[in-house]
Amino acid sequence: MAYRVAFLDVMDARVRDEIRSKLPAGFSIDFAETGDRREHLALVADADFILTSIPVDAEMIRAAPRLKLLHKWGIGVDKFDLDAARAAGVPVAITFGANAGAVSEHVLMLMLATYRRLALADRKLRDGVWLRPQLRAQCYQISGKTVGLLGFGNVARMVAHRLAGFEVQIIYSDIRRADMATEKALRATQVPFDELIARSDILSVHVPLTPATKGLIGAETIARMKTGAVIINAARGGIVDEPALYDALVSGKLHGAGLDVFAMEPADRDNPLFRLDQVVVTPHTAGSVIDLVAYIARHAFTNMQTVLRGAPLPPDDLVSPPREKN
């Protein structure tokens, strides 16, 4: 009998084929066709593994009595009920670092698109409006600016690496300081959070969503930023207070924002931020590139095989260990 993997995200046929191409012998995989919770509960009922990026709560974990591993498609586990997983003795894992390169590229795209008003220029040109005279007064180059990285994990370090040719000053704030060799190689300087906020022309968010970071970039924090600064967020939506961000953009305190993540996802089409020309938005797709799918799938399937062998998962992948046997 094959070990069953329940994949709860709705995926394009090409993506499904890429994932199936890495399925190990002795495994089968069932993909969700919709976002309907009843379908998901049915899929996990006899699943040995859940692989997903959507929320997994206590009810879903209880509905999967054979579950041997709850695996994130990606890295953030703020949508998983870790307490419920621990109570059920189910380990939780991520694909550590698997999409950091793609996300870092997306972050640079958002920086450039926000500074150069790309969304506005594209939309108006398609409508037959030649905005060249007006755009000159609204656009900036990245060269010469100070880029502040809030958090300095894999993605932020790759952002720093990719910024090397832009002649920027890179500062970062993190609870852990990078080693001197890394700082020197990336030309990045650690500063306190308050200094990061005050000095950044571009503030790029790279921390996980936790009780400590929820709403961290709110009205009080934004008030201490430079007038004309830009906020980029491809981490988690709840870290940036959206009403406060909207007010700062409308007032002119901030020049713009590039957002890949939102407090509510899928994002509401009536989100006020979507009406602002100085905002560039994408639908949480920073890590969504076809040429990474097979790599991430292989990474996750390898962890599943590791669990079946009774071997320890890689420390960087293991979020919550299995319950120890008495």
C-alpha atoms as a PDB file:
ATOM      1  CA  MET A   1       0.000   0.000   0.000  1.00  0.00           C
ATOM      2  CA  ALA A   2       1.378   3.405  -0.973  1.00  0.00           C
ATOM      3  CA  TYR A   3       1.961   6.170   1.520  1.00  0.00           C
ATOM      4  CA  ARG A   4      -0.529   8.937   0.778  1.00  0.00           C
ATOM      5  CA  VAL A   5       0.314  12.624   0.536  1.00  0.00           C
ATOM      6  CA  ALA A   6      -2.522  15.151   0.736  1.00  0.00           C
ATOM      7  CA  PHE A   7      -1.603  18.359  -1.089  1.00  0.00           C
ATOM      8  CA  LEU A   8      -4.163  20.967  -0.021  1.00  0.00           C
ATOM      9  CA  ASP A   9      -3.253  23.891  -2.293  1.00  0.00           C
ATOM     10  CA  VAL A  10      -4.976  24.240  -5.653  1.00  0.00           C
ATOM     11  CA  MET A  11      -2.228  24.003  -8.256  1.00  0.00           C
ATOM     12  CA  ASP A  12      -1.979  24.439 -12.021  1.00  0.00           C
ATOM     13  CA  ALA A  13      -1.716  21.211 -14.022  1.00  0.00           C
ATOM     14  CA  ARG A  14       1.896  21.950 -14.986  1.00  0.00           C
ATOM     15  CA  VAL A  15       2.840  22.425 -11.339  1.00  0.00           C
ATOM     16  CA  ARG A  16       1.141  19.147 -10.412  1.00  0.00           C
ATOM     17  CA  ASP A  17       3.146  17.343 -13.058  1.00  0.00           C
ATOM     18  CA  GLU A  18       6.383  18.803 -11.716  1.00  0.00           C
ATOM     19  CA  ILE A  19       5.504  17.661  -8.200  1.00  0.00           C
ATOM     20  CA  ARG A  20       4.493  14.167  -9.358  1.00  0.00           C
ATOM     21  CA  SER A  21       7.793  13.845 -11.215  1.00  0.00           C
ATOM     22  CA  LYS A  22       9.604  13.808  -7.844  1.00  0.00           C
ATOM     23  CA  LEU A  23       7.207  11.497  -6.028  1.00  0.00           C
ATOM     24  CA  PRO A  24       9.199   8.601  -4.498  1.00  0.00           C
ATOM     25  CA  ALA A  25       8.376   4.991  -5.186  1.00  0.00           C
ATOM     26  CA  GLY A  26       5.729   3.727  -2.812  1.00  0.00           C
ATOM     27  CA  PHE A  27       4.041   7.135  -2.520  1.00  0.00           C
ATOM     28  CA  SER A  28       0.820   8.492  -3.994  1.00  0.00           C
ATOM     29  CA  ILE A  29      -0.399  12.084  -3.946  1.00  0.00           C
ATOM     30  CA  ASP A  30      -3.882  13.616  -4.004  1.00  0.00           C
ATOM     31  CA  PHE A  31      -4.288  17.266  -4.952  1.00  0.00           C
ATOM     32  CA  ALA A  32      -7.134  19.474  -3.763  1.00  0.00           C
ATOM     33  CA  GLU A  33      -9.371  20.655  -6.567  1.00  0.00           C
ATOM     34  CA  THR A  34     -10.910  23.536  -4.618  1.00  0.00           C
ATOM     35  CA  GLY A  35     -10.432  25.573  -1.490  1.00  0.00           C
ATOM     36  CA  ASP A  36     -13.428  23.888   0.111  1.00  0.00           C
ATOM     37  CA  ARG A  37     -12.726  22.776   3.674  1.00  0.00           C
ATOM     38  CA  ARG A  38     -14.916  19.684   3.361  1.00  0.00           C
ATOM     39  CA  GLU A  39     -12.786  18.474   0.473  1.00  0.00           C
ATOM     40  CA  HIS A  40      -9.626  19.080   2.507  1.00  0.00           C
ATOM     41  CA  LEU A  41     -10.957  17.149   5.495  1.00  0.00           C
ATOM     42  CA  ALA A  42     -11.808  14.249   3.204  1.00  0.00           C
ATOM     43  CA  LEU A  43      -8.329  14.325   1.627  1.00  0.00           C
ATOM     44  CA  VAL A  44      -6.502  14.144   4.946  1.00  0.00           C
ATOM     45  CA  ALA A  45      -8.699  11.404   6.419  1.00  0.00           C
ATOM     46  CA  ASP A  46      -6.364   8.615   5.295  1.00  0.00           C
ATOM     47  CA  ALA A  47      -3.265  10.682   4.522  1.00  0.00           C
ATOM     48  CA  ASP A  48       0.143   9.807   5.924  1.00  0.00           C
ATOM     49  CA  PHE A  49       1.483  13.261   5.082  1.00  0.00           C
ATOM     50  CA  ILE A  50       0.021  16.730   4.575  1.00  0.00           C
ATOM     51  CA  LEU A  51       1.936  19.077   2.283  1.00  0.00           C
ATOM     52  CA  THR A  52       0.495  22.567   2.013  1.00  0.00           C
ATOM     53  CA  SER A  53       0.841  26.318   2.461  1.00  0.00           C
ATOM     54  CA  ILE A  54      -2.768  26.898   3.589  1.00  0.00           C
ATOM     55  CA  PRO A  55      -3.923  26.987   7.230  1.00  0.00           C
ATOM     56  CA  VAL A  56      -3.987  23.677   9.091  1.00  0.00           C
ATOM     57  CA  ASP A  57      -5.863  23.798  12.397  1.00  0.00           C
ATOM     58  CA  ALA A  58      -6.584  21.362  15.208  1.00  0.00           C
ATOM     59  CA  GLU A  59      -9.711  19.957  13.549  1.00  0.00           C
ATOM     60  CA  MET A  60      -7.784  19.080  10.408  1.00  0.00           C
ATOM     61  CA  ILE A  61      -5.014  17.423  12.394  1.00  0.00           C
ATOM     62  CA  ARG A  62      -7.587  15.390  14.338  1.00  0.00           C
ATOM     63  CA  ALA A  63      -9.188  14.385  11.029  1.00  0.00           C
ATOM     64  CA  ALA A  64      -5.903  12.749   9.933  1.00  0.00           C
ATOM     65  CA  PRO A  65      -5.308   9.847  12.364  1.00  0.00           C
ATOM     66  CA  ARG A  66      -2.541   8.352  10.169  1.00  0.00           C
ATOM     67  CA  LEU A  67      -0.621  11.630   9.893  1.00  0.00           C
ATOM     68  CA  LYS A  68       3.128  11.142  10.253  1.00  0.00           C
ATOM     69  CA  LEU A  69       4.342  14.613   9.221  1.00  0.00           C
ATOM     70  CA  LEU A  70       2.788  18.012   8.583  1.00  0.00           C
ATOM     71  CA  HIS A  71       4.985  19.692   5.981  1.00  0.00           C
ATOM     72  CA  LYS A  72       4.891  23.294   4.833  1.00  0.00           C
ATOM     73  CA  TRP A  73       5.252  24.050   1.128  1.00  0.00           C
ATOM     74  CA  GLY A  74       7.694  26.865   1.826  1.00  0.00           C
ATOM     75  CA  ILE A  75       8.906  28.116   5.196  1.00  0.00           C
ATOM     76  CA  GLY A  76       6.400  30.159   7.239  1.00  0.00           C
ATOM     77  CA  VAL A  77       4.304  28.140   9.703  1.00  0.00           C
ATOM     78  CA  ASP A  78       2.196  30.943  11.189  1.00  0.00           C
ATOM     79  CA  LYS A  79      -0.867  29.299   9.588  1.00  0.00           C
ATOM     80  CA  PHE A  80      -0.267  25.942  11.297  1.00  0.00           C
ATOM     81  CA  ASP A  81      -1.625  25.073  14.746  1.00  0.00           C
ATOM     82  CA  LEU A  82       1.671  23.917  16.211  1.00  0.00           C
ATOM     83  CA  ASP A  83       0.162  23.229  19.622  1.00  0.00           C
ATOM     84  CA  ALA A  84      -2.364  20.851  18.066  1.00  0.00           C
ATOM     85  CA  ALA A  85       0.375  19.128  16.089  1.00  0.00           C
ATOM     86  CA  ARG A  86       2.479  18.654  19.236  1.00  0.00           C
ATOM     87  CA  ALA A  87      -0.538  17.346  21.145  1.00  0.00           C
ATOM     88  CA  ALA A  88      -1.129  14.792  18.391  1.00  0.00           C
ATOM     89  CA  GLY A  89       2.544  13.825  18.317  1.00  0.00           C
ATOM     90  CA  VAL A  90       2.893  14.979  14.713  1.00  0.00           C
ATOM     91  CA  PRO A  91       6.189  16.607  13.706  1.00  0.00           C
ATOM     92  CA  VAL A  92       6.109  19.780  11.598  1.00  0.00           C
ATOM     93  CA  ALA A  93       8.717  20.608   8.955  1.00  0.00           C
ATOM     94  CA  ILE A  94       9.525  23.246   6.367  1.00  0.00           C
ATOM     95  CA  THR A  95      11.610  23.377   3.196  1.00  0.00           C
ATOM     96  CA  PHE A  96      14.252  25.623   4.714  1.00  0.00           C
ATOM     97  CA  GLY A  97      15.845  27.996   2.218  1.00  0.00           C
ATOM     98  CA  ALA A  98      14.141  26.371  -0.751  1.00  0.00           C
ATOM     99  CA  ASN A  99      12.626  29.516  -2.236  1.00  0.00           C
ATOM    100  CA  ALA A 100      14.902  32.196  -0.787  1.00  0.00           C
ATOM    101  CA  GLY A 101      16.478  33.012  -4.146  1.00  0.00           C
ATOM    102  CA  ALA A 102      13.145  33.491  -5.889  1.00  0.00           C
ATOM    103  CA  VAL A 103      11.759  35.607  -3.047  1.00  0.00           C
ATOM    104  CA  SER A 104      14.841  37.820  -3.034  1.00  0.00           C
ATOM    105  CA  GLU A 105      14.476  38.448  -6.768  1.00  0.00           C
ATOM    106  CA  HIS A 106      10.837  39.376  -6.220  1.00  0.00           C
ATOM    107  CA  VAL A 107      11.815  41.792  -3.462  1.00  0.00           C
ATOM    108  CA  LEU A 108      14.200  43.588  -5.816  1.00  0.00           C
ATOM    109  CA  MET A 109      11.461  43.709  -8.427  1.00  0.00           C
ATOM    110  CA  LEU A 110       9.109  45.357  -5.924  1.00  0.00           C
ATOM    111  CA  MET A 111      11.780  47.897  -4.977  1.00  0.00           C
ATOM    112  CA  LEU A 112      12.371  48.881  -8.595  1.00  0.00           C
ATOM    113  CA  ALA A 113       8.693  48.793  -9.553  1.00  0.00           C
ATOM    114  CA  THR A 114       7.738  50.978  -6.593  1.00  0.00           C
ATOM    115  CA  TYR A 115      10.495  53.531  -7.123  1.00  0.00           C
ATOM    116  CA  ARG A 116       9.784  53.745 -10.863  1.00  0.00           C
ATOM    117  CA  ARG A 117       5.955  53.697 -10.616  1.00  0.00           C
ATOM    118  CA  LEU A 118       5.877  50.663 -12.914  1.00  0.00           C
ATOM    119  CA  ALA A 119       2.258  49.650 -12.275  1.00  0.00           C
ATOM    120  CA  LEU A 120       1.005  53.178 -12.943  1.00  0.00           C
ATOM    121  CA  ALA A 121       3.116  53.621 -16.087  1.00  0.00           C
ATOM    122  CA  ASP A 122       2.040  50.253 -17.478  1.00  0.00           C
ATOM    123  CA  ARG A 123      -1.666  50.808 -16.816  1.00  0.00           C
ATOM    124  CA  LYS A 124      -1.752  54.338 -18.221  1.00  0.00           C
ATOM    125  CA  LEU A 125       0.231  53.460 -21.336  1.00  0.00           C
ATOM    126  CA  ARG A 126      -2.188  50.620 -22.099  1.00  0.00           C
ATOM    127  CA  ASP A 127      -4.986  53.170 -21.737  1.00  0.00           C
ATOM    128  CA  GLY A 128      -3.318  55.418 -24.283  1.00  0.00           C
ATOM    129  CA  VAL A 129      -1.929  57.942 -21.797  1.00  0.00           C
ATOM    130  CA  TRP A 130       1.717  59.002 -22.290  1.00  0.00           C
ATOM    131  CA  LEU A 131       2.841  59.821 -18.742  1.00  0.00           C
ATOM    132  CA  ARG A 132       6.501  60.520 -19.425  1.00  0.00           C
ATOM    133  CA  PRO A 133       6.477  64.179 -18.274  1.00  0.00           C
ATOM    134  CA  GLN A 134       4.599  63.408 -15.045  1.00  0.00           C
ATOM    135  CA  LEU A 135       6.572  60.294 -14.130  1.00  0.00           C
ATOM    136  CA  ARG A 136       9.903  62.096 -14.103  1.00  0.00           C
ATOM    137  CA  ALA A 137       8.786  63.985 -10.989  1.00  0.00           C
ATOM    138  CA  GLN A 138       7.684  60.792  -9.204  1.00  0.00           C
ATOM    139  CA  CYS A 139      10.441  58.284  -9.964  1.00  0.00           C
ATOM    140  CA  TYR A 140      13.721  57.559  -8.203  1.00  0.00           C
ATOM    141  CA  GLN A 141      16.783  55.388  -8.727  1.00  0.00           C
ATOM    142  CA  ILE A 142      17.932  52.892  -6.123  1.00  0.00           C
ATOM    143  CA  SER A 143      21.574  53.909  -6.470  1.00  0.00           C
ATOM    144  CA  GLY A 144      22.779  55.979  -3.545  1.00  0.00           C
ATOM    145  CA  LYS A 145      19.948  54.975  -1.217  1.00  0.00           C
ATOM    146  CA  THR A 146      20.044  53.265   2.169  1.00  0.00           C
ATOM    147  CA  VAL A 147      18.278  49.913   2.167  1.00  0.00           C
ATOM    148  CA  GLY A 148      17.207  48.670   5.574  1.00  0.00           C
ATOM    149  CA  LEU A 149      16.577  44.948   6.032  1.00  0.00           C
ATOM    150  CA  LEU A 150      14.311  44.111   8.954  1.00  0.00           C
ATOM    151  CA  GLY A 151      15.547  40.604   9.689  1.00  0.00           C
ATOM    152  CA  PHE A 152      18.677  39.082   8.208  1.00  0.00           C
ATOM    153  CA  GLY A 153      17.851  35.476   7.387  1.00  0.00           C
ATOM    154  CA  ASN A 154      18.289  33.632   4.101  1.00  0.00           C
ATOM    155  CA  VAL A 155      16.039  35.862   2.020  1.00  0.00           C
ATOM    156  CA  ALA A 156      17.394  39.132   3.403  1.00  0.00           C
ATOM    157  CA  ARG A 157      20.976  37.996   2.830  1.00  0.00           C
ATOM    158  CA  MET A 158      20.181  37.093  -0.761  1.00  0.00           C
ATOM    159  CA  VAL A 159      18.550  40.505  -1.193  1.00  0.00           C
ATOM    160  CA  ALA A 160      21.755  42.091   0.076  1.00  0.00           C
ATOM    161  CA  HIS A 161      23.799  39.953  -2.321  1.00  0.00           C
ATOM    162  CA  ARG A 162      21.620  40.931  -5.281  1.00  0.00           C
ATOM    163  CA  LEU A 163      21.830  44.616  -4.361  1.00  0.00           C
ATOM    164  CA  ALA A 164      25.626  44.573  -4.697  1.00  0.00           C
ATOM    165  CA  GLY A 165      25.594  46.182  -8.127  1.00  0.00           C
ATOM    166  CA  PHE A 166      23.189  48.977  -7.192  1.00  0.00           C
ATOM    167  CA  GLU A 167      25.627  51.057  -5.138  1.00  0.00           C
ATOM    168  CA  VAL A 168      23.446  51.207  -2.048  1.00  0.00           C
ATOM    169  CA  GLN A 169      24.223  51.264   1.666  1.00  0.00           C
ATOM    170  CA  ILE A 170      22.812  48.176   3.380  1.00  0.00           C
ATOM    171  CA  ILE A 171      21.886  48.152   7.050  1.00  0.00           C
ATOM    172  CA  TYR A 172      20.016  45.456   8.922  1.00  0.00           C
ATOM    173  CA  SER A 173      18.408  44.748  12.270  1.00  0.00           C
ATOM    174  CA  ASP A 174      18.068  41.230  13.644  1.00  0.00           C
ATOM    175  CA  ILE A 175      17.985  39.584  17.054  1.00  0.00           C
ATOM    176  CA  ARG A 176      21.082  37.654  15.975  1.00  0.00           C
ATOM    177  CA  ARG A 177      24.083  39.386  14.500  1.00  0.00           C
ATOM    178  CA  ALA A 178      25.640  37.817  11.418  1.00  0.00           C
ATOM    179  CA  ASP A 179      29.282  36.811  11.593  1.00  0.00           C
ATOM    180  CA  MET A 180      31.835  39.358  10.478  1.00  0.00           C
ATOM    181  CA  ALA A 181      32.693  37.441   7.302  1.00  0.00           C
ATOM    182  CA  THR A 182      29.045  37.529   6.177  1.00  0.00           C
ATOM    183  CA  GLU A 183      28.679  41.214   6.978  1.00  0.00           C
ATOM    184  CA  LYS A 184      31.850  42.002   5.053  1.00  0.00           C
ATOM    185  CA  ALA A 185      30.889  39.873   2.051  1.00  0.00           C
ATOM    186  CA  LEU A 186      27.421  41.449   1.843  1.00  0.00           C
ATOM    187  CA  ARG A 187      28.592  44.931   2.849  1.00  0.00           C
ATOM    188  CA  ALA A 188      25.868  44.984   5.484  1.00  0.00           C
ATOM    189  CA  THR A 189      26.002  46.748   8.838  1.00  0.00           C
ATOM    190  CA  GLN A 190      23.940  45.788  11.866  1.00  0.00           C
ATOM    191  CA  VAL A 191      22.084  48.650  13.555  1.00  0.00           C
ATOM    192  CA  PRO A 192      19.437  48.850  16.306  1.00  0.00           C
ATOM    193  CA  PHE A 193      15.793  48.711  15.195  1.00  0.00           C
ATOM    194  CA  ASP A 194      15.196  52.411  15.877  1.00  0.00           C
ATOM    195  CA  GLU A 195      18.189  53.393  13.745  1.00  0.00           C
ATOM    196  CA  LEU A 196      17.057  51.072  10.962  1.00  0.00           C
ATOM    197  CA  ILE A 197      13.659  52.760  10.898  1.00  0.00           C
ATOM    198  CA  ALA A 198      15.113  56.269  10.974  1.00  0.00           C
ATOM    199  CA  ARG A 199      17.767  55.796   8.281  1.00  0.00           C
ATOM    200  CA  SER A 200      16.145  53.566   5.660  1.00  0.00           C
ATOM    201  CA  ASP A 201      15.103  55.007   2.311  1.00  0.00           C
ATOM    202  CA  ILE A 202      13.787  51.531   1.505  1.00  0.00           C
ATOM    203  CA  LEU A 203      12.618  49.358   4.391  1.00  0.00           C
ATOM    204  CA  SER A 204      12.310  45.700   3.410  1.00  0.00           C
ATOM    205  CA  VAL A 205      10.561  43.316   5.822  1.00  0.00           C
ATOM    206  CA  HIS A 206      12.129  39.867   6.390  1.00  0.00           C
ATOM    207  CA  VAL A 207      10.895  38.622   9.771  1.00  0.00           C
ATOM    208  CA  PRO A 208       8.349  35.887  10.517  1.00  0.00           C
ATOM    209  CA  LEU A 209       4.872  36.717  11.764  1.00  0.00           C
ATOM    210  CA  THR A 210       4.821  36.160  15.529  1.00  0.00           C
ATOM    211  CA  PRO A 211       3.025  37.859  18.421  1.00  0.00           C
ATOM    212  CA  ALA A 212       6.099  40.087  18.759  1.00  0.00           C
ATOM    213  CA  THR A 213       6.154  41.166  15.094  1.00  0.00           C
ATOM    214  CA  LYS A 214       2.426  41.474  14.428  1.00  0.00           C
ATOM    215  CA  GLY A 215       1.723  45.127  13.605  1.00  0.00           C
ATOM    216  CA  LEU A 216       5.385  45.999  14.206  1.00  0.00           C
ATOM    217  CA  ILE A 217       5.337  48.426  11.279  1.00  0.00           C
ATOM    218  CA  GLY A 218       2.443  50.534  12.468  1.00  0.00           C
ATOM    219  CA  ALA A 219       1.592  54.219  12.752  1.00  0.00           C
ATOM    220  CA  GLU A 220       4.142  54.960  15.475  1.00  0.00           C
ATOM    221  CA  THR A 221       6.959  53.205  13.623  1.00  0.00           C
ATOM    222  CA  ILE A 222       6.096  54.765  10.271  1.00  0.00           C
ATOM    223  CA  ALA A 223       6.051  58.220  11.888  1.00  0.00           C
ATOM    224  CA  ARG A 224       9.750  57.737  12.704  1.00  0.00           C
ATOM    225  CA  MET A 225      10.668  56.836   9.122  1.00  0.00           C
ATOM    226  CA  LYS A 226      12.081  59.267   6.587  1.00  0.00           C
ATOM    227  CA  THR A 227       9.542  61.280   4.662  1.00  0.00           C
ATOM    228  CA  GLY A 228       9.532  59.770   1.182  1.00  0.00           C
ATOM    229  CA  ALA A 229      10.660  56.310   2.297  1.00  0.00           C
ATOM    230  CA  VAL A 230       9.359  53.093   0.757  1.00  0.00           C
ATOM    231  CA  ILE A 231       8.167  49.914   2.466  1.00  0.00           C
ATOM    232  CA  ILE A 232       8.587  46.508   0.817  1.00  0.00           C
ATOM    233  CA  ASN A 233       6.902  43.465   2.325  1.00  0.00           C
ATOM    234  CA  ALA A 234       7.197  39.956   0.923  1.00  0.00           C
ATOM    235  CA  ALA A 235       7.288  38.308   4.361  1.00  0.00           C
ATOM    236  CA  ARG A 236       3.867  38.241   6.072  1.00  0.00           C
ATOM    237  CA  GLY A 237       1.007  40.697   5.792  1.00  0.00           C
ATOM    238  CA  GLY A 238       0.242  41.056   9.474  1.00  0.00           C
ATOM    239  CA  ILE A 239       3.646  42.580  10.201  1.00  0.00           C
ATOM    240  CA  VAL A 240       2.665  45.826   8.458  1.00  0.00           C
ATOM    241  CA  ASP A 241      -0.445  47.603   9.743  1.00  0.00           C
ATOM    242  CA  GLU A 242      -2.367  48.196   6.515  1.00  0.00           C
ATOM    243  CA  PRO A 243      -4.563  51.119   7.692  1.00  0.00           C
ATOM    244  CA  ALA A 244      -1.469  52.893   9.045  1.00  0.00           C
ATOM    245  CA  LEU A 245       0.357  52.235   5.785  1.00  0.00           C
ATOM    246  CA  TYR A 246      -2.569  53.608   3.779  1.00  0.00           C
ATOM    247  CA  ASP A 247      -2.692  56.793   5.858  1.00  0.00           C
ATOM    248  CA  ALA A 248       1.064  57.325   5.462  1.00  0.00           C
ATOM    249  CA  LEU A 249       0.865  56.876   1.685  1.00  0.00           C
ATOM    250  CA  VAL A 250      -2.118  59.219   1.275  1.00  0.00           C
ATOM    251  CA  SER A 251      -0.523  61.894   3.454  1.00  0.00           C
ATOM    252  CA  GLY A 252       2.724  61.732   1.483  1.00  0.00           C
ATOM    253  CA  LYS A 253       4.762  60.552   4.460  1.00  0.00           C
ATOM    254  CA  LEU A 254       5.762  57.504   2.416  1.00  0.00           C
ATOM    255  CA  HIS A 255       6.604  57.550  -1.272  1.00  0.00           C
ATOM    256  CA  GLY A 256       5.280  54.093  -1.980  1.00  0.00           C
ATOM    257  CA  ALA A 257       4.955  50.451  -1.016  1.00  0.00           C
ATOM    258  CA  GLY A 258       5.574  47.131  -2.722  1.00  0.00           C
ATOM    259  CA  LEU A 259       3.441  44.363  -1.222  1.00  0.00           C
ATOM    260  CA  ASP A 260       3.298  40.650  -1.906  1.00  0.00           C
ATOM    261  CA  VAL A 261       1.489  39.737   1.323  1.00  0.00           C
ATOM    262  CA  PHE A 262      -1.615  40.979   3.095  1.00  0.00           C
ATOM    263  CA  ALA A 263      -3.358  40.724   6.443  1.00  0.00           C
ATOM    264  CA  MET A 264      -6.171  38.788   4.782  1.00  0.00           C
ATOM    265  CA  GLU A 265      -5.431  36.343   1.976  1.00  0.00           C
ATOM    266  CA  PRO A 266      -6.754  36.046  -0.636  1.00  0.00           C
ATOM    267  CA  ALA A 267      -6.794  39.818  -0.383  1.00  0.00           C
ATOM    268  CA  ASP A 268     -10.107  41.667  -0.574  1.00  0.00           C
ATOM    269  CA  ARG A 269     -10.500  43.391  -3.938  1.00  0.00           C
ATOM    270  CA  ASP A 270     -11.794  46.431  -2.023  1.00  0.00           C
ATOM    271  CA  ASN A 271      -8.573  46.801  -0.033  1.00  0.00           C
ATOM    272  CA  PRO A 272      -7.991  50.606  -0.006  1.00  0.00           C
ATOM    273  CA  LEU A 273      -4.310  50.099  -0.801  1.00  0.00           C
ATOM    274  CA  PHE A 274      -5.274  48.773  -4.240  1.00  0.00           C
ATOM    275  CA  ARG A 275      -6.646  52.186  -5.205  1.00  0.00           C
ATOM    276  CA  LEU A 276      -3.311  53.945  -4.718  1.00  0.00           C
ATOM    277  CA  ASP A 277      -1.048  54.535  -7.719  1.00  0.00           C
ATOM    278  CA  GLN A 278       2.034  54.518  -5.485  1.00  0.00           C
ATOM    279  CA  VAL A 279       1.451  50.909  -4.419  1.00  0.00           C
ATOM    280  CA  VAL A 280       2.639  47.845  -6.351  1.00  0.00           C
ATOM    281  CA  VAL A 281       0.938  44.588  -5.389  1.00  0.00           C
ATOM    282  CA  THR A 282       1.350  40.899  -6.201  1.00  0.00           C
ATOM    283  CA  PRO A 283      -0.723  37.937  -4.882  1.00  0.00           C
ATOM    284  CA  HIS A 284       1.778  36.280  -2.498  1.00  0.00           C
ATOM    285  CA  THR A 285       3.800  34.952  -5.414  1.00  0.00           C
ATOM    286  CA  ALA A 286       7.335  35.915  -4.391  1.00  0.00           C
ATOM    287  CA  GLY A 287       8.424  32.289  -4.173  1.00  0.00           C
ATOM    288  CA  SER A 288       6.139  30.976  -6.896  1.00  0.00           C
ATOM    289  CA  VAL A 289       8.297  30.104  -9.889  1.00  0.00           C
ATOM    290  CA  ILE A 290       7.975  26.960 -11.960  1.00  0.00           C
ATOM    291  CA  ASP A 291      11.682  26.187 -11.980  1.00  0.00           C
ATOM    292  CA  LEU A 292      11.677  25.754  -8.183  1.00  0.00           C
ATOM    293  CA  VAL A 293       8.692  23.414  -7.920  1.00  0.00           C
ATOM    294  CA  ALA A 294      10.555  20.160  -8.497  1.00  0.00           C
ATOM    295  CA  TYR A 295      13.305  21.186  -6.070  1.00  0.00           C
ATOM    296  CA  ILE A 296      10.855  22.040  -3.283  1.00  0.00           C
ATOM    297  CA  ALA A 297       8.875  18.846  -3.915  1.00  0.00           C
ATOM    298  CA  ARG A 298      12.012  16.712  -3.735  1.00  0.00           C
ATOM    299  CA  HIS A 299      13.024  18.490  -0.525  1.00  0.00           C
ATOM    300  CA  ALA A 300       9.652  17.761   1.113  1.00  0.00           C
ATOM    301  CA  PHE A 301       9.460  14.154  -0.097  1.00  0.00           C
ATOM    302  CA  THR A 302      12.977  13.502   1.211  1.00  0.00           C
ATOM    303  CA  ASN A 303      11.850  14.663   4.653  1.00  0.00           C
ATOM    304  CA  MET A 304       8.855  12.331   4.474  1.00  0.00           C
ATOM    305  CA  GLN A 305      11.116   9.396   3.676  1.00  0.00           C
ATOM    306  CA  THR A 306      13.359  10.412   6.566  1.00  0.00           C
ATOM    307  CA  VAL A 307      10.406  10.242   8.956  1.00  0.00           C
ATOM    308  CA  LEU A 308       9.464   6.796   7.656  1.00  0.00           C
ATOM    309  CA  ARG A 309      13.012   5.580   8.345  1.00  0.00           C
ATOM    310  CA  GLY A 310      12.785   6.892  11.880  1.00  0.00           C
ATOM    311  CA  ALA A 311      15.778   9.154  11.272  1.00  0.00           C
ATOM    312  CA  PRO A 312      15.989  12.752  12.557  1.00  0.00           C
ATOM    313  CA  LEU A 313      14.915  15.542  10.228  1.00  0.00           C
ATOM    314  CA  PRO A 314      17.461  18.236   9.301  1.00  0.00           C
ATOM    315  CA  PRO A 315      17.552  20.777  12.160  1.00  0.00           C
ATOM    316  CA  ASP A 316      16.874  23.691   9.809  1.00  0.00           C
ATOM    317  CA  ASP A 317      13.730  21.963   8.500  1.00  0.00           C
ATOM    318  CA  LEU A 318      12.341  20.774  11.818  1.00  0.00           C
ATOM    319  CA  VAL A 319       9.904  23.261  13.355  1.00  0.00           C
ATOM    320  CA  SER A 320       8.187  21.032  15.877  1.00  0.00           C
ATOM    321  CA  PRO A 321       9.588  17.607  16.827  1.00  0.00           C
ATOM    322  CA  PRO A 322       7.525  14.453  17.275  1.00  0.00           C
ATOM    323  CA  ARG A 323       6.340  13.583  20.745  1.00  0.00           C
ATOM    324  CA  GLU A 324       8.894  11.466  22.545  1.00  0.00           C
ATOM    325  CA  LYS A 325       7.831   7.918  23.315  1.00  0.00           C
ATOM    326  CA  ASN A 326       7.742   6.842  26.945  1.00  0.00           C
END
